[in-house]
Amino acid sequence: MQLPRDAVLLRVFFGEDDKFERLPLYEAIVLKAREMHLAGATVLRGHLGFGHSSHIHTTKILRLAQDLPVIVEIVDSQEKINAFLPVLDTMMTSGLVTIEKVQVLQYGAGSISGGAG
């Protein structure tokens, strides 16, 4: 699979306890991204965070870790991310979704450079 140098980073923020069809939401998003042949997805688990409710979620000792923040990151072309967004919308009930333009410098074994090499 080839990624363009000018790509898009999709970030999806939500709580670890969020579900989609009995699966953890992060797992459902990654599986759907794979099914739709996106370049890749990474799930990051936060140690501390808060969202629109301003309730702190933390892993600190002496507190029960509960509904920790999760971020799913996906990088691909603008077109493929745009096609994924409506699907993502049906999977989420709350959370934050951001998109930013990125430059892909390497994907897989080879370098993605514009010059000779």
C-alpha atoms as a PDB file:
ATOM      1  CA  MET A   1       0.000   0.000   0.000  1.00  0.00           C
ATOM      2  CA  GLN A   2       1.313   3.423  -0.929  1.00  0.00           C
ATOM      3  CA  LEU A   3       0.702   6.570   1.094  1.00  0.00           C
ATOM      4  CA  PRO A   4       0.940  10.017  -0.447  1.00  0.00           C
ATOM      5  CA  ARG A   5       3.525  12.378   1.034  1.00  0.00           C
ATOM      6  CA  ASP A   6       0.749  14.867   1.823  1.00  0.00           C
ATOM      7  CA  ALA A   7      -1.687  12.902   3.949  1.00  0.00           C
ATOM      8  CA  VAL A   8      -4.197  13.397   6.753  1.00  0.00           C
ATOM      9  CA  LEU A   9      -4.048  12.384  10.415  1.00  0.00           C
ATOM     10  CA  LEU A  10      -7.394  11.458  11.936  1.00  0.00           C
ATOM     11  CA  ARG A  11      -7.498  11.441  15.745  1.00  0.00           C
ATOM     12  CA  VAL A  12     -10.463  10.081  17.654  1.00  0.00           C
ATOM     13  CA  PHE A  13     -10.691  10.805  21.404  1.00  0.00           C
ATOM     14  CA  PHE A  14     -13.138   8.958  23.671  1.00  0.00           C
ATOM     15  CA  GLY A  15     -13.376   6.884  26.854  1.00  0.00           C
ATOM     16  CA  GLU A  16     -12.026   3.377  27.268  1.00  0.00           C
ATOM     17  CA  ASP A  17     -15.464   2.123  28.365  1.00  0.00           C
ATOM     18  CA  ASP A  18     -17.185   3.214  25.112  1.00  0.00           C
ATOM     19  CA  LYS A  19     -18.587   0.326  23.074  1.00  0.00           C
ATOM     20  CA  PHE A  20     -19.858  -0.383  19.578  1.00  0.00           C
ATOM     21  CA  GLU A  21     -21.904  -3.550  19.057  1.00  0.00           C
ATOM     22  CA  ARG A  22     -20.506  -5.157  22.237  1.00  0.00           C
ATOM     23  CA  LEU A  23     -16.887  -4.509  21.216  1.00  0.00           C
ATOM     24  CA  PRO A  24     -14.695  -1.861  22.808  1.00  0.00           C
ATOM     25  CA  LEU A  25     -15.028   1.172  20.524  1.00  0.00           C
ATOM     26  CA  TYR A  26     -11.266   1.355  19.934  1.00  0.00           C
ATOM     27  CA  GLU A  27     -11.248  -2.242  18.690  1.00  0.00           C
ATOM     28  CA  ALA A  28     -14.291  -1.691  16.467  1.00  0.00           C
ATOM     29  CA  ILE A  29     -12.690   1.412  14.906  1.00  0.00           C
ATOM     30  CA  VAL A  30      -9.409  -0.404  14.166  1.00  0.00           C
ATOM     31  CA  LEU A  31     -11.226  -3.397  12.666  1.00  0.00           C
ATOM     32  CA  LYS A  32     -13.381  -1.138  10.469  1.00  0.00           C
ATOM     33  CA  ALA A  33     -10.319   0.861   9.357  1.00  0.00           C
ATOM     34  CA  ARG A  34      -8.611  -2.395   8.382  1.00  0.00           C
ATOM     35  CA  GLU A  35     -11.726  -3.604   6.571  1.00  0.00           C
ATOM     36  CA  MET A  36     -11.793  -0.340   4.593  1.00  0.00           C
ATOM     37  CA  HIS A  37      -8.092  -0.753   3.697  1.00  0.00           C
ATOM     38  CA  LEU A  38      -6.827   2.333   5.494  1.00  0.00           C
ATOM     39  CA  ALA A  39      -3.038   2.449   5.834  1.00  0.00           C
ATOM     40  CA  GLY A  40      -2.988   1.700   9.569  1.00  0.00           C
ATOM     41  CA  ALA A  41      -4.392   2.564  12.965  1.00  0.00           C
ATOM     42  CA  THR A  42      -2.859   2.941  16.412  1.00  0.00           C
ATOM     43  CA  VAL A  43      -4.637   2.949  19.772  1.00  0.00           C
ATOM     44  CA  LEU A  44      -3.127   5.035  22.568  1.00  0.00           C
ATOM     45  CA  ARG A  45      -4.314   4.782  26.175  1.00  0.00           C
ATOM     46  CA  GLY A  46      -4.056   7.863  28.331  1.00  0.00           C
ATOM     47  CA  HIS A  47      -3.057   7.957  31.974  1.00  0.00           C
ATOM     48  CA  LEU A  48      -4.880  11.165  32.767  1.00  0.00           C
ATOM     49  CA  GLY A  49      -7.453  13.279  30.986  1.00  0.00           C
ATOM     50  CA  PHE A  50     -10.832  14.951  30.945  1.00  0.00           C
ATOM     51  CA  GLY A  51     -13.427  15.740  28.329  1.00  0.00           C
ATOM     52  CA  HIS A  52     -16.568  17.830  27.983  1.00  0.00           C
ATOM     53  CA  SER A  53     -17.792  16.790  31.457  1.00  0.00           C
ATOM     54  CA  SER A  54     -14.531  18.060  33.075  1.00  0.00           C
ATOM     55  CA  HIS A  55     -14.449  14.842  35.138  1.00  0.00           C
ATOM     56  CA  ILE A  56     -10.816  13.695  35.614  1.00  0.00           C
ATOM     57  CA  HIS A  57     -10.038  10.125  34.551  1.00  0.00           C
ATOM     58  CA  THR A  58      -6.745   8.828  35.941  1.00  0.00           C
ATOM     59  CA  THR A  59      -4.625   5.758  36.692  1.00  0.00           C
ATOM     60  CA  LYS A  60      -3.243   7.241  39.919  1.00  0.00           C
ATOM     61  CA  ILE A  61      -2.683   4.813  42.770  1.00  0.00           C
ATOM     62  CA  LEU A  62      -5.392   4.795  45.463  1.00  0.00           C
ATOM     63  CA  ARG A  63      -7.997   5.509  42.793  1.00  0.00           C
ATOM     64  CA  LEU A  64      -9.782   2.955  40.697  1.00  0.00           C
ATOM     65  CA  ALA A  65      -8.776   3.463  37.067  1.00  0.00           C
ATOM     66  CA  GLN A  66     -12.051   4.065  35.314  1.00  0.00           C
ATOM     67  CA  ASP A  67     -12.963   4.999  31.750  1.00  0.00           C
ATOM     68  CA  LEU A  68      -9.447   6.160  30.863  1.00  0.00           C
ATOM     69  CA  PRO A  69      -8.898   8.340  27.799  1.00  0.00           C
ATOM     70  CA  VAL A  70      -8.252   6.547  24.517  1.00  0.00           C
ATOM     71  CA  ILE A  71      -7.001   8.010  21.237  1.00  0.00           C
ATOM     72  CA  VAL A  72      -7.146   6.201  17.909  1.00  0.00           C
ATOM     73  CA  GLU A  73      -4.848   7.641  15.244  1.00  0.00           C
ATOM     74  CA  ILE A  74      -5.182   6.860  11.548  1.00  0.00           C
ATOM     75  CA  VAL A  75      -3.057   8.317   8.733  1.00  0.00           C
ATOM     76  CA  ASP A  76      -4.091   8.022   5.111  1.00  0.00           C
ATOM     77  CA  SER A  77      -5.029  10.095   2.075  1.00  0.00           C
ATOM     78  CA  GLN A  78      -7.659  12.827   2.405  1.00  0.00           C
ATOM     79  CA  GLU A  79     -10.025  10.800   0.199  1.00  0.00           C
ATOM     80  CA  LYS A  80      -9.789   7.608   2.267  1.00  0.00           C
ATOM     81  CA  ILE A  81     -10.189   9.484   5.557  1.00  0.00           C
ATOM     82  CA  ASN A  82     -13.198  11.357   4.126  1.00  0.00           C
ATOM     83  CA  ALA A  83     -14.775   8.005   3.166  1.00  0.00           C
ATOM     84  CA  PHE A  84     -14.165   6.687   6.684  1.00  0.00           C
ATOM     85  CA  LEU A  85     -15.741   9.644   8.525  1.00  0.00           C
ATOM     86  CA  PRO A  86     -19.426   8.757   7.899  1.00  0.00           C
ATOM     87  CA  VAL A  87     -18.736   5.204   9.096  1.00  0.00           C
ATOM     88  CA  LEU A  88     -16.999   6.524  12.203  1.00  0.00           C
ATOM     89  CA  ASP A  89     -19.972   8.808  12.868  1.00  0.00           C
ATOM     90  CA  THR A  90     -22.312   5.797  13.070  1.00  0.00           C
ATOM     91  CA  MET A  91     -19.999   4.098  15.585  1.00  0.00           C
ATOM     92  CA  MET A  92     -19.629   6.951  18.085  1.00  0.00           C
ATOM     93  CA  THR A  93     -22.137   8.453  20.495  1.00  0.00           C
ATOM     94  CA  SER A  94     -19.713  10.973  22.016  1.00  0.00           C
ATOM     95  CA  GLY A  95     -16.093  11.970  21.761  1.00  0.00           C
ATOM     96  CA  LEU A  96     -13.865  14.308  19.805  1.00  0.00           C
ATOM     97  CA  VAL A  97     -12.660  13.826  16.229  1.00  0.00           C
ATOM     98  CA  THR A  98      -9.868  15.943  14.746  1.00  0.00           C
ATOM     99  CA  ILE A  99      -8.140  16.012  11.383  1.00  0.00           C
ATOM    100  CA  GLU A 100      -4.855  17.635  10.497  1.00  0.00           C
ATOM    101  CA  LYS A 101      -2.640  17.661   7.447  1.00  0.00           C
ATOM    102  CA  VAL A 102       0.629  15.772   7.827  1.00  0.00           C
ATOM    103  CA  GLN A 103       3.625  14.950   5.669  1.00  0.00           C
ATOM    104  CA  VAL A 104       4.496  11.275   5.505  1.00  0.00           C
ATOM    105  CA  LEU A 105       8.270  10.826   5.539  1.00  0.00           C
ATOM    106  CA  GLN A 106       8.367   7.055   5.770  1.00  0.00           C
ATOM    107  CA  TYR A 107       5.826   4.250   5.545  1.00  0.00           C
ATOM    108  CA  GLY A 108       7.021   0.681   5.639  1.00  0.00           C
ATOM    109  CA  ALA A 109      10.579  -0.065   4.589  1.00  0.00           C
ATOM    110  CA  GLY A 110      11.162   2.717   2.071  1.00  0.00           C
ATOM    111  CA  SER A 111      11.505   6.439   2.408  1.00  0.00           C
ATOM    112  CA  ILE A 112       8.947   8.719   0.767  1.00  0.00           C
ATOM    113  CA  SER A 113      11.175  11.511  -0.467  1.00  0.00           C
ATOM    114  CA  GLY A 114      10.760  13.811  -3.400  1.00  0.00           C
ATOM    115  CA  GLY A 115      14.464  13.871  -4.233  1.00  0.00           C
ATOM    116  CA  ALA A 116      16.930  11.338  -5.536  1.00  0.00           C
ATOM    117  CA  GLY A 117      17.793   8.571  -3.184  1.00  0.00           C
END
